[in-house]
Protein backbone atom coordinates (compact mmCIF):
# COMPACT_ATOMS: atom_id res chain seq x y z
CA MET A 1 14.75 -30.65 0.28
CA GLY A 2 12.43 -32.22 2.88
CA VAL A 3 9.51 -30.49 4.54
CA LYS A 4 10.61 -28.40 7.50
CA MET A 5 9.15 -29.63 10.79
CA MET A 6 7.10 -27.34 12.99
CA ASN A 7 8.81 -26.01 16.12
CA PRO A 8 8.12 -28.39 19.08
CA LEU A 9 6.90 -25.50 21.24
CA VAL A 10 4.36 -24.55 18.58
CA GLU A 11 3.25 -28.18 18.24
CA ARG A 12 2.79 -28.43 22.01
CA GLU A 13 0.72 -25.27 22.24
CA LEU A 14 -1.26 -26.25 19.14
CA SER A 15 -2.18 -29.54 20.83
CA ARG A 16 -3.76 -27.54 23.68
CA THR A 17 -6.15 -25.66 21.40
CA ASP A 18 -9.50 -26.75 19.97
CA PRO A 19 -8.74 -29.30 17.21
CA ALA A 20 -12.08 -28.48 15.55
CA VAL A 21 -10.67 -25.09 14.51
CA PRO A 22 -8.15 -25.61 11.69
CA PHE A 23 -4.64 -24.19 11.82
CA ARG A 24 -3.72 -23.86 8.12
CA ALA A 25 0.03 -23.33 8.36
CA SER A 26 2.92 -24.17 6.06
CA THR A 27 6.54 -24.41 7.17
CA SER A 28 7.97 -24.23 3.64
CA ARG A 29 6.22 -21.32 1.91
CA THR A 30 8.23 -18.15 1.27
CA HIS A 31 6.95 -14.59 1.12
CA GLN A 32 8.02 -11.98 -1.42
CA THR A 33 6.78 -8.62 -2.61
CA TRP A 34 4.93 -8.45 -5.93
CA ALA A 35 7.92 -6.59 -7.42
CA ARG A 36 10.31 -9.23 -6.02
CA THR A 37 12.26 -6.49 -4.28
CA PHE A 38 12.28 -8.42 -0.98
CA HIS A 39 12.09 -12.09 -0.08
CA CYS A 40 11.82 -13.73 3.33
CA ARG A 41 11.26 -17.20 4.74
CA PRO A 42 8.78 -17.07 7.63
CA GLU A 43 8.72 -19.79 10.24
CA LEU A 44 5.03 -20.31 9.45
CA TYR A 45 2.86 -19.10 6.57
CA ILE A 46 -0.76 -19.22 7.73
CA CYS A 47 -3.93 -18.86 5.63
CA PRO A 48 -6.96 -18.71 7.93
CA GLU A 49 -10.48 -18.94 6.52
CA SER A 50 -12.63 -17.86 9.48
CA ILE A 51 -12.59 -15.50 12.43
CA GLU A 52 -12.19 -18.49 14.75
CA GLU A 53 -9.03 -19.47 12.87
CA ILE A 54 -7.65 -15.94 13.11
CA LYS A 55 -8.27 -15.93 16.85
CA LYS A 56 -6.48 -19.27 17.14
CA VAL A 57 -3.47 -17.85 15.25
CA ILE A 58 -3.28 -14.85 17.61
CA THR A 59 -3.66 -17.06 20.68
CA LEU A 60 -0.84 -19.34 19.54
CA ALA A 61 1.39 -16.41 18.63
CA ARG A 62 0.93 -14.97 22.09
CA ARG A 63 1.63 -18.28 23.80
CA CYS A 64 4.63 -19.06 21.59
CA ARG A 65 6.01 -15.49 21.72
CA ARG A 66 5.84 -14.84 17.97
CA ARG A 67 5.33 -11.74 15.85
CA LEU A 68 2.48 -11.70 13.31
CA VAL A 69 2.62 -10.01 9.89
CA THR A 70 -0.62 -9.71 7.92
CA VAL A 71 -0.18 -9.72 4.15
CA GLY A 72 -2.31 -9.62 1.01
CA ARG A 73 -0.73 -9.52 -2.44
CA GLY A 74 2.49 -7.84 -1.28
CA HIS A 75 2.15 -4.87 -3.62
CA SER A 76 4.24 -2.62 -1.39
CA PRO A 77 7.80 -2.97 -2.75
CA SER A 78 9.33 -2.10 0.65
CA ASP A 79 10.29 -4.46 3.50
CA ILE A 80 7.22 -3.57 5.61
CA THR A 81 5.83 -7.14 5.34
CA CYS A 82 9.13 -8.98 5.76
CA THR A 83 9.43 -11.37 8.69
CA SER A 84 11.16 -14.52 9.88
CA SER A 85 8.28 -15.12 12.30
CA TRP A 86 4.68 -15.83 11.21
CA VAL A 87 2.93 -14.51 8.08
CA VAL A 88 -0.88 -14.37 8.11
CA ASN A 89 -2.27 -14.22 4.57
CA LEU A 90 -6.00 -13.44 4.50
CA GLU A 91 -6.54 -14.37 0.82
CA ARG A 92 -9.00 -17.12 1.82
CA TYR A 93 -10.80 -14.91 4.33
CA ASN A 94 -12.69 -13.15 1.57
CA LYS A 95 -16.47 -13.41 1.85
CA ILE A 96 -19.24 -10.82 1.70
CA LEU A 97 -20.98 -11.02 5.08
CA SER A 98 -23.99 -8.75 4.63
CA VAL A 99 -25.54 -6.30 2.18
CA ASP A 100 -27.97 -3.46 2.90
CA GLN A 101 -29.63 -2.69 -0.43
CA GLU A 102 -31.36 0.44 0.85
CA SER A 103 -28.19 2.17 2.06
CA ARG A 104 -25.77 0.41 -0.37
CA THR A 105 -23.53 -0.63 2.51
CA VAL A 106 -21.57 -3.87 2.45
CA VAL A 107 -19.85 -5.74 5.26
CA MET A 108 -17.02 -7.99 4.10
CA GLN A 109 -14.17 -10.08 5.39
CA SER A 110 -10.95 -8.13 5.13
CA GLY A 111 -8.99 -10.41 2.80
CA ILE A 112 -11.19 -9.93 -0.26
CA TYR A 113 -9.33 -8.54 -3.28
CA LEU A 114 -10.63 -5.32 -4.78
CA HIS A 115 -11.38 -6.89 -8.18
CA ASP A 116 -13.39 -9.67 -6.50
CA PHE A 117 -15.20 -7.14 -4.33
CA ASN A 118 -16.17 -5.10 -7.36
CA ARG A 119 -17.42 -8.25 -9.13
CA GLU A 120 -19.59 -9.01 -6.10
CA LEU A 121 -20.93 -5.44 -6.10
CA LYS A 122 -21.80 -5.66 -9.80
CA GLN A 123 -24.63 -8.11 -9.17
CA TYR A 124 -26.34 -5.40 -7.10
CA GLY A 125 -25.67 -2.70 -9.69
CA TRP A 126 -23.03 -1.11 -7.44
CA THR A 127 -19.32 -0.40 -7.55
CA MET A 128 -16.50 1.34 -5.68
CA PRO A 129 -16.48 5.11 -6.25
CA ASN A 130 -12.78 5.31 -7.06
CA LEU A 131 -9.77 3.08 -7.63
CA GLY A 132 -6.01 3.36 -7.79
CA SER A 133 -3.97 2.09 -10.71
CA ILE A 134 -4.54 -1.57 -9.85
CA ASP A 135 -7.22 -3.65 -8.13
CA HIS A 136 -5.15 -6.67 -7.06
CA GLN A 137 -4.79 -5.55 -3.43
CA SER A 138 -6.89 -6.81 -0.54
CA ILE A 139 -9.38 -4.31 0.88
CA ALA A 140 -7.48 -4.26 4.20
CA GLY A 141 -4.15 -3.65 2.47
CA ALA A 142 -5.54 -0.84 0.34
CA ILE A 143 -7.04 0.86 3.39
CA GLY A 144 -4.05 0.28 5.64
CA THR A 145 -1.53 2.02 3.34
CA GLY A 146 -3.53 5.01 2.03
CA THR A 147 -4.32 3.85 -1.53
CA HIS A 148 -5.76 6.60 -3.75
CA GLY A 149 -6.86 7.25 -7.32
CA SER A 150 -6.60 10.51 -9.28
CA SER A 151 -9.47 12.93 -8.88
CA THR A 152 -10.09 16.20 -7.06
CA ARG A 153 -13.60 14.89 -6.36
CA HIS A 154 -12.34 11.87 -4.44
CA GLY A 155 -9.85 11.21 -1.69
CA THR A 156 -8.27 7.95 -0.58
CA LEU A 157 -10.15 4.66 -0.75
CA SER A 158 -10.69 4.77 3.03
CA GLN A 159 -13.14 7.65 2.59
CA SER A 160 -15.76 5.02 1.76
CA VAL A 161 -15.06 2.95 4.89
CA LEU A 162 -17.84 3.33 7.46
CA GLY A 163 -16.54 0.95 10.09
CA LEU A 164 -13.90 -1.65 10.94
CA LYS A 165 -13.51 -4.59 13.27
CA ILE A 166 -9.99 -5.30 14.47
CA MET A 167 -8.78 -8.36 16.34
CA LEU A 168 -6.14 -7.26 18.83
CA ALA A 169 -3.17 -9.09 20.31
CA ASN A 170 -5.32 -10.19 23.28
CA GLY A 171 -7.66 -12.04 20.91
CA ARG A 172 -10.56 -9.63 21.36
CA THR A 173 -12.35 -8.01 18.45
CA ILE A 174 -13.02 -4.27 18.69
CA SER A 175 -15.47 -2.32 16.53
CA CYS A 176 -14.63 1.23 15.51
CA SER A 177 -16.12 3.95 13.34
CA LYS A 178 -16.52 7.72 13.32
CA ASP A 179 -19.09 7.30 16.12
CA GLN A 180 -17.52 4.46 18.11
CA ASN A 181 -13.91 4.32 19.31
CA LYS A 182 -13.19 7.21 16.98
CA ASN A 183 -9.48 7.52 17.75
CA LEU A 184 -8.93 3.82 17.16
CA PHE A 185 -10.80 4.24 13.86
CA ARG A 186 -8.53 7.13 12.87
CA ALA A 187 -5.47 5.01 13.70
CA ALA A 188 -6.80 1.90 11.93
CA LEU A 189 -7.81 3.71 8.72
CA LEU A 190 -4.08 3.85 8.00
CA SER A 191 -2.68 1.24 10.35
CA LEU A 192 0.37 -0.02 8.42
CA GLY A 193 -0.39 -3.44 9.89
CA ALA A 194 0.83 -2.39 13.35
CA LEU A 195 -2.37 -2.36 15.45
CA GLY A 196 -3.88 -5.81 14.99
CA ILE A 197 -5.66 -7.77 12.27
CA ILE A 198 -8.52 -5.98 10.54
CA VAL A 199 -11.16 -8.71 10.22
CA GLU A 200 -14.23 -6.85 8.90
CA VAL A 201 -14.80 -3.77 6.75
CA THR A 202 -18.08 -1.89 6.32
CA PHE A 203 -18.03 -0.07 2.99
CA GLN A 204 -20.23 2.51 1.28
CA ALA A 205 -20.79 1.49 -2.36
CA VAL A 206 -22.18 3.68 -5.16
CA PRO A 207 -24.27 2.91 -8.25
CA SER A 208 -22.31 1.31 -11.08
CA PHE A 209 -21.10 3.67 -13.77
CA ASN A 210 -19.31 3.70 -17.09
CA ILE A 211 -16.55 6.18 -17.86
CA GLU A 212 -15.57 7.65 -21.19
CA TRP A 213 -11.87 8.35 -21.28
CA HIS A 214 -9.57 10.15 -23.70
CA GLN A 215 -5.81 10.52 -23.73
CA SER A 216 -3.73 13.02 -25.66
CA LEU A 217 -0.18 14.29 -26.00
CA HIS A 218 0.84 17.82 -24.92
CA PRO A 219 3.96 19.93 -24.38
CA LEU A 220 4.94 19.98 -20.72
CA GLU A 221 4.70 23.77 -20.47
CA SER A 222 1.11 23.84 -21.71
CA ILE A 223 0.12 21.45 -18.93
CA LEU A 224 2.01 23.45 -16.31
CA ASN A 225 0.35 26.68 -17.45
CA ASP A 226 -3.04 24.97 -17.08
CA PHE A 227 -2.20 23.63 -13.63
CA GLU A 228 -4.08 26.14 -11.51
CA ILE A 229 -6.77 26.96 -14.07
CA ASP A 230 -8.83 23.81 -14.57
CA LEU A 231 -6.49 20.99 -15.55
CA TRP A 232 -7.47 18.94 -12.50
CA THR A 233 -11.09 20.07 -12.09
CA ARG A 234 -12.42 20.09 -15.67
CA ASN A 235 -12.99 16.31 -15.57
CA GLU A 236 -13.88 13.95 -12.74
CA PHE A 237 -10.78 11.81 -13.25
CA THR A 238 -7.43 13.13 -14.55
CA ARG A 239 -3.91 11.78 -14.53
CA VAL A 240 -0.75 12.72 -16.34
CA TRP A 241 2.29 10.73 -17.44
CA TRP A 242 5.28 13.00 -17.82
CA MET A 243 8.07 12.16 -20.26
CA PRO A 244 11.00 14.15 -18.81
CA TYR A 245 13.44 14.00 -21.75
CA GLN A 246 10.83 14.80 -24.41
CA LYS A 247 9.31 17.44 -22.12
CA ARG A 248 5.90 16.20 -23.11
CA VAL A 249 3.03 14.63 -21.20
CA ILE A 250 0.27 12.15 -21.87
CA LYS A 251 -2.94 13.49 -20.36
CA TRP A 252 -5.67 10.99 -19.51
CA VAL A 253 -9.13 12.30 -18.58
CA ALA A 254 -12.41 10.52 -17.86
CA ASN A 255 -15.99 11.30 -16.94
CA LYS A 256 -19.03 9.22 -16.13
CA THR A 257 -21.27 8.54 -19.11
CA ASP A 258 -24.48 6.79 -20.14
CA ARG A 259 -22.95 5.77 -23.47
CA ALA A 260 -22.61 2.10 -24.37
CA GLN A 261 -19.24 0.48 -23.76
CA GLN A 262 -16.64 0.88 -26.49
CA PRO A 263 -13.38 -1.05 -25.97
CA GLN A 264 -9.96 0.51 -26.34
CA VAL A 265 -8.07 -0.20 -29.56
CA LYS A 266 -5.07 -2.27 -28.55
CA SER A 267 -1.61 -0.99 -29.42
CA TRP A 268 1.24 -3.18 -30.62
CA LEU A 269 2.97 -2.96 -27.26
CA GLY A 270 -0.23 -4.06 -25.57
CA GLY A 271 0.35 -7.56 -26.91
CA VAL A 272 2.70 -10.31 -25.84
CA ILE A 273 5.41 -9.47 -28.39
CA GLY A 274 5.33 -5.77 -27.54
CA PHE A 275 5.41 -6.45 -23.80
CA HIS A 276 8.55 -8.56 -24.04
CA THR A 277 10.20 -6.26 -26.60
CA TYR A 278 9.93 -3.26 -24.30
CA HIS A 279 11.03 -5.35 -21.32
CA THR A 280 14.15 -6.45 -23.18
CA LEU A 281 14.95 -2.88 -24.26
CA LEU A 282 14.70 -1.73 -20.64
CA TYR A 283 17.12 -4.49 -19.70
CA VAL A 284 19.60 -3.37 -22.38
CA ALA A 285 19.34 0.17 -20.95
CA GLN A 286 20.64 -1.21 -17.64
CA TRP A 287 24.00 -1.52 -19.40
CA ILE A 288 23.61 1.46 -21.75
CA PRO A 289 21.64 4.01 -19.66
CA SER A 290 21.89 6.66 -22.38
CA LEU A 291 19.24 4.66 -24.26
CA CYS A 292 16.57 5.89 -21.81
CA PRO A 293 15.68 9.08 -23.76
CA TRP A 294 15.29 7.00 -26.92
CA LEU A 295 13.08 4.53 -25.06
CA GLU A 296 10.93 7.44 -23.95
CA ARG A 297 10.30 8.38 -27.58
CA PHE A 298 9.60 4.73 -28.29
CA VAL A 299 6.91 4.66 -25.60
CA ILE A 300 5.22 7.77 -26.95
CA ASN A 301 5.28 6.78 -30.62
CA VAL A 302 4.65 3.06 -30.36
CA GLN A 303 3.17 2.01 -27.04
CA TYR A 304 0.38 4.58 -27.06
CA GLY A 305 -0.04 4.77 -30.83
CA PHE A 306 -0.45 8.52 -30.97
CA SER A 307 -1.50 10.12 -34.22
CA GLU A 308 0.06 13.26 -35.62
CA ASP A 309 -2.57 15.47 -33.99
CA GLY A 310 -1.73 14.18 -30.52
CA ASN A 311 -4.86 12.06 -30.08
CA GLY A 312 -4.02 8.97 -28.09
CA GLY A 313 -7.28 7.10 -28.26
CA THR A 314 -10.55 6.83 -26.38
CA ALA A 315 -12.84 4.19 -24.90
CA VAL A 316 -15.99 3.70 -22.85
CA GLU A 317 -15.55 1.16 -20.07
CA GLU A 318 -16.98 0.17 -16.73
CA GLY A 319 -15.50 2.36 -14.03
CA ARG A 320 -14.23 -0.70 -12.19
CA THR A 321 -11.93 -1.56 -15.11
CA GLY A 322 -11.48 1.73 -16.96
CA LEU A 323 -9.82 3.44 -13.99
CA LEU A 324 -7.05 0.83 -13.91
CA MET A 325 -3.73 0.74 -15.73
CA ASN A 326 -1.14 -1.89 -16.56
CA CYS A 327 1.90 -1.55 -14.29
CA LEU A 328 3.89 -3.75 -16.71
CA TYR A 329 7.01 -4.91 -14.85
CA SER A 330 8.62 -5.17 -11.46
CA GLN A 331 9.38 -1.66 -10.28
CA PHE A 332 10.47 0.68 -7.54
CA VAL A 333 7.86 3.36 -6.83
CA ASN A 334 8.69 6.52 -4.90
CA GLU A 335 5.56 8.65 -4.63
CA TRP A 336 5.06 11.83 -2.60
CA ALA A 337 2.08 14.07 -1.93
CA ILE A 338 2.71 17.82 -2.08
CA PRO A 339 0.38 20.85 -2.09
CA ILE A 340 -0.99 21.27 -5.59
CA SER A 341 0.20 24.89 -5.65
CA LYS A 342 3.79 23.58 -5.47
CA GLY A 343 3.31 21.30 -8.48
CA PRO A 344 4.57 23.52 -11.31
CA GLU A 345 7.68 24.55 -9.38
CA ALA A 346 8.46 20.96 -8.37
CA ILE A 347 8.06 19.66 -11.93
CA ARG A 348 10.09 22.46 -13.52
CA ARG A 349 12.94 22.01 -11.04
CA LEU A 350 12.96 18.22 -11.40
CA SER A 351 12.80 18.62 -15.19
CA ALA A 352 15.86 20.87 -15.12
CA TRP A 353 17.76 18.40 -12.95
CA LEU A 354 16.86 15.37 -15.09
CA ASN A 355 18.04 17.31 -18.15
CA TRP A 356 21.39 17.95 -16.41
CA ASP A 357 20.90 21.62 -15.47
CA GLN A 358 21.72 21.40 -11.78
CA GLU A 359 22.03 25.15 -11.32
CA ALA A 360 18.51 25.84 -12.56
CA SER A 361 17.10 23.00 -10.47
CA GLY A 362 18.55 24.13 -7.16
CA ILE A 363 18.93 20.46 -6.20
CA PRO A 364 22.27 19.76 -4.46
CA PHE A 365 23.00 16.44 -6.20
CA ASP A 366 25.02 16.05 -9.38
CA PRO A 367 22.84 14.78 -12.28
CA GLU A 368 25.76 14.26 -14.67
CA GLY A 369 25.47 10.95 -16.50
CA LEU A 370 22.19 9.98 -14.82
CA TYR A 371 19.33 8.57 -16.90
CA VAL A 372 15.92 7.51 -15.56
CA HIS A 373 12.87 5.65 -16.79
CA ALA A 374 9.68 7.23 -18.08
CA PRO A 375 7.02 8.09 -17.29
CA ILE A 376 6.83 10.05 -14.05
CA GLU A 377 3.21 9.71 -12.97
CA VAL A 378 1.28 12.77 -11.75
CA ARG A 379 -2.04 12.32 -9.93
CA VAL A 380 -4.29 14.21 -7.51
CA SER A 381 -6.76 13.69 -4.68
CA ASP A 382 -8.61 15.94 -2.26
CA THR A 383 -9.14 14.87 1.34
CA SER A 384 -9.54 18.37 2.76
CA SER A 385 -13.16 17.63 3.75
CA THR A 386 -12.51 14.11 5.05
CA VAL A 387 -13.93 13.50 8.54
CA PRO A 388 -12.60 11.71 10.47
CA ARG A 389 -9.13 11.95 9.01
CA PRO A 390 -6.62 9.11 9.52
CA PHE A 391 -3.81 10.15 11.87
CA LEU A 392 -1.20 9.12 9.28
CA ASP A 393 -2.95 10.42 6.15
CA ASN A 394 -0.10 11.61 3.92
CA THR A 395 -2.34 13.93 1.87
CA MET A 396 -2.63 17.66 2.45
CA PRO A 397 -5.29 18.46 5.09
CA ASP A 398 -6.26 21.89 3.72
CA CYS A 399 -5.91 21.70 -0.07
CA THR A 400 -5.78 19.36 -3.06
CA SER A 401 -2.82 17.00 -2.98
CA LEU A 402 -0.59 16.44 -6.00
CA TYR A 403 1.23 13.10 -6.21
CA LEU A 404 4.54 12.75 -8.04
CA ASN A 405 5.60 9.15 -8.58
CA ALA A 406 9.20 8.51 -9.65
CA THR A 407 8.86 4.98 -11.03
CA LEU A 408 11.92 2.91 -11.91
CA TYR A 409 11.46 -0.42 -13.66
CA ARG A 410 13.41 -3.50 -12.59
CA PRO A 411 13.72 -5.36 -15.91
CA TYR A 412 13.94 -9.07 -15.25
CA ASN A 413 14.09 -8.21 -11.51
CA GLN A 414 17.38 -6.30 -11.76
CA ASP A 415 17.75 -2.98 -9.93
CA PRO A 416 18.35 0.09 -12.13
CA PRO A 417 21.79 1.72 -11.69
CA CYS A 418 20.36 5.22 -11.20
CA ARG A 419 18.18 4.52 -8.19
CA LYS A 420 20.27 5.80 -5.28
CA ARG A 421 21.18 9.18 -6.77
CA TYR A 422 17.79 9.74 -8.40
CA TYR A 423 15.83 9.02 -5.24
CA GLU A 424 18.15 11.11 -3.07
CA ALA A 425 17.58 14.11 -5.33
CA PHE A 426 13.86 13.45 -5.77
CA GLU A 427 13.22 13.09 -2.05
CA TRP A 428 15.28 16.18 -1.24
CA LEU A 429 13.08 18.21 -3.59
CA MET A 430 9.86 16.69 -2.26
CA LYS A 431 10.84 17.57 1.31
CA GLU A 432 11.56 21.14 0.24
CA MET A 433 8.08 21.27 -1.34
CA GLY A 434 6.49 20.28 1.98
CA GLY A 435 5.75 16.75 0.78
CA ARG A 436 5.10 13.45 2.52
CA PRO A 437 5.84 10.03 1.01
CA HIS A 438 3.26 7.37 0.27
CA TRP A 439 3.57 4.79 3.06
CA ALA A 440 3.56 1.75 0.76
CA LYS A 441 6.29 2.96 -1.58
CA ASN A 442 10.13 3.08 -1.71
CA PHE A 443 11.28 6.15 0.17
CA ASP A 444 14.98 5.96 1.01
CA THR A 445 16.13 9.04 2.93
CA VAL A 446 13.32 9.93 5.36
CA THR A 447 14.22 9.64 9.04
CA ARG A 448 12.04 8.94 12.07
CA GLU A 449 12.51 12.52 13.24
CA GLU A 450 11.40 13.86 9.85
CA PHE A 451 8.28 11.69 9.91
CA HIS A 452 7.33 12.95 13.35
CA ASN A 453 7.76 16.53 12.12
CA MET A 454 5.63 15.78 9.05
CA TYR A 455 2.77 14.36 11.13
CA PRO A 456 1.61 16.47 14.12
CA GLU A 457 -0.66 13.60 15.21
CA MET A 458 2.00 10.90 14.99
CA GLY A 459 2.13 10.82 18.79
CA ASP A 460 -1.57 9.96 18.95
CA TRP A 461 -1.11 7.10 16.51
CA VAL A 462 1.88 5.73 18.46
CA ARG A 463 0.00 6.01 21.77
CA ILE A 464 -3.01 4.09 20.46
CA ARG A 465 -0.77 1.51 18.80
CA ASN A 466 1.02 0.88 22.09
CA GLU A 467 -2.27 0.64 23.99
CA VAL A 468 -3.80 -2.00 21.73
CA ASP A 469 -0.58 -4.00 21.22
CA PRO A 470 1.66 -3.35 24.27
CA GLU A 471 3.95 -6.30 23.55
CA GLY A 472 4.54 -5.44 19.90
CA MET A 473 3.05 -8.56 18.34
CA PHE A 474 2.49 -6.54 15.14
CA VAL A 475 5.69 -4.46 15.22
CA GLY A 476 8.63 -4.99 12.89
CA ASP A 477 11.89 -3.29 12.05
CA TRP A 478 10.18 -1.06 9.45
CA HIS A 479 7.84 0.37 12.11
CA ARG A 480 10.68 1.04 14.57
CA ARG A 481 12.85 2.57 11.86
CA TYR A 482 10.28 5.14 10.76
CA LEU A 483 7.53 5.49 13.36
CA LEU A 484 8.23 4.30 16.88
CA PRO A 485 10.45 6.38 19.18
CA GLU A 486 13.97 5.30 20.05
CA ASP A 487 13.94 3.03 23.09
CA ASP A 488 16.87 4.77 24.82
CA GLY A 489 18.98 1.64 24.94
CA ASN A 490 16.21 -0.45 26.51
CA LEU A 491 15.10 -3.74 25.05
CA ALA A 492 12.62 -3.70 22.22
CA LEU A 493 9.00 -4.57 22.85
CA PRO A 494 8.82 -8.25 23.88
CA LEU A 495 7.50 -9.50 20.53
CA GLU A 496 9.01 -6.83 18.28
CA GLU A 497 11.10 -8.16 15.41
CA ARG A 498 14.33 -6.51 14.29
CA GLU A 499 16.19 -6.99 11.04
CA VAL A 500 19.47 -8.86 11.49
CA ARG A 501 20.54 -9.50 7.92
CA ARG A 502 19.84 -8.39 4.37
CA GLU A 503 21.57 -10.15 1.49
CA LYS A 504 21.37 -10.03 -2.28
CA ALA A 505 18.94 -12.67 -3.53
CA LEU A 506 19.65 -15.01 -6.39
CA GLY A 507 17.58 -13.73 -9.29
CA GLY A 508 17.21 -10.19 -7.93
CA GLY A 509 15.98 -8.39 -4.86
CA GLN A 510 17.07 -8.88 -1.26
CA ASN A 511 16.71 -11.73 1.21
CA TRP A 512 15.54 -10.36 4.56
CA THR A 513 16.10 -12.04 7.93
CA GLY A 514 14.76 -10.88 11.28
CA GLU A 515 14.78 -11.95 14.91
CA ILE A 516 12.70 -11.26 18.01
CA PHE A 517 15.19 -10.04 20.61
CA GLY A 518 12.83 -8.90 23.33
CA ARG A 519 11.11 -12.12 24.36
CA SER A 520 10.75 -11.47 28.07
CA LEU A 521 9.26 -14.81 29.08
CA SER A 522 10.71 -18.28 28.61
CA PRO A 523 8.93 -20.42 26.02
CA LEU A 524 9.02 -23.26 28.55
CA SER A 525 6.57 -21.35 30.75
CA SER A 526 4.35 -20.27 27.89
CA GLU A 527 1.12 -21.52 29.48
CA GLU A 528 1.74 -19.45 32.62
CA SER A 529 2.85 -16.53 30.48
CA PHE A 530 -0.36 -16.75 28.50
CA ASP A 531 -2.45 -16.58 31.67
CA LEU A 532 -0.55 -13.50 32.84
CA LEU A 533 -0.97 -11.80 29.49
CA GLN A 534 -4.68 -12.56 29.42
CA GLY A 535 -5.09 -10.63 32.67
CA VAL A 536 -3.03 -7.66 31.51
CA GLU A 537 -4.64 -7.49 28.10
CA ALA A 538 -8.18 -7.85 29.47
CA GLU A 539 -7.50 -4.68 31.44
CA LYS A 540 -6.31 -3.01 28.25
CA SER A 541 -9.61 -3.78 26.53
CA VAL A 542 -11.48 -1.38 28.80
CA LEU A 543 -9.91 1.35 26.70
CA PHE A 544 -12.86 0.70 24.38
CA PRO A 545 -15.86 0.37 26.72
CA GLY A 546 -18.38 0.89 23.92
CA SER A 547 -16.92 -1.72 21.58
CA GLU A 548 -18.60 -4.87 20.40
CA SER A 549 -15.90 -7.28 21.51
CA ILE A 550 -16.68 -10.77 20.25
CA THR A 551 -16.44 -13.54 22.82
CA ASP A 552 -15.95 -17.23 22.03
CA ASP A 553 -19.65 -17.88 22.55
CA GLU A 554 -20.60 -15.06 20.18
CA VAL A 555 -18.26 -16.41 17.52
CA ASP A 556 -19.89 -19.83 17.78
CA LYS A 557 -23.34 -18.28 17.34
CA ALA A 558 -22.24 -16.09 14.46
CA TYR A 559 -20.80 -18.96 12.48
């Protein structure tokens, strides 16, 4: 297959821009989620390396009437980053810009991956205060979707963000923080990629630390009885992996320590042979689902190497690595935050349902013949003291949040047969518990109306989004489906992209195709259109009179 040629309109508009600023675009690169749940073929896949290049991308998108989708590693398994328009991958926009050693604050370009950021911090004796299960995401992606770890002493990763700079659809860069453009800051701390391109992040680091962790095996009921005593507060970091058919849990706890590092003893399944053995067994269970309870026992007895007394090992590691876990294989992840006081009830009811006792569960879906994968992950965070709070923060504002994550593996990229019924039942229960889904995960049954009822400040987020991007340059079908109000039969926003087709992909997952229906101006008059938009959007920028908007001259001086 030959190389696809660039659209003539794009080539024409590109010829009218400064040739000294590179436009690093490919016409043949595809985009897919890390889990290979969705695939799409964007018209252009762009990898800018400087703020000037990002501004050029936005300018061209506006002139050529294109939607922009900013991506990192694609760790969200949903279709939120799917597009047939232009993908902007910031993986090369990844430098540390400044360091204040007295205050331990760092300013960085937004495409840096968390593991690279932590390596950079290490040379100063610093680290991030908390991490989720993985550190492969970009800093902007982790902030923009509400990434969290598991500790009642920490909230989401965005708690450590002191300020942001966002390049808007008019090409201007706006600064925001708790003291400057506060409402924009609250919207951008969980932006879902719909406001603009976050180009800089100011972050509060902490001194480096080691953690000593232990994991052990317990009956489910003993953990539930300990729920509201001190299960989640006894240690700084705690997470639980629940094995629903065995009715047992693996409890992992960690605290900071001054002890020397002591590596974890590797289990058989931690090696290459074990990894592929388990993967193959999961694939066999696609065809014989009743194997799932046996696989659960296999995980407990082999993968974690537990001794007879329930001790599952210990280690002393750097916090930046010890807080992570191996996600193993492609997977669907459906995680919800609920009030911690609802945790025991939610787990007992879900346990009853998964063990085929529908009456005891009170869940109106038939569990007969349904088998699911283990484990179900249980984590916590506390954002009740967070100020300012993101408008779309899915955690509980007035108490500790408990996260239940119904993970389903996709062995060799094949969807598990239980997904639809399992997730319908799981989400029904989570809604009844007053829960809210994690934005970056696979929720299936939540409607736009339900989201607006879940989030009293959703209207504020939508208003700010529409003010900073009135044409919808950063809006896709996912945003309209869940967040933006119905348009009462009117056309979509001029640059908004809608899904037109979804087909099964060869090798697993779905091929996604979209189209921009609302282009209000002819591409043939793009130069005149651009001039009109510049005037309109310049007026919009006065919404942030105290911002540090970067002009072309300032960019030249800064670089």
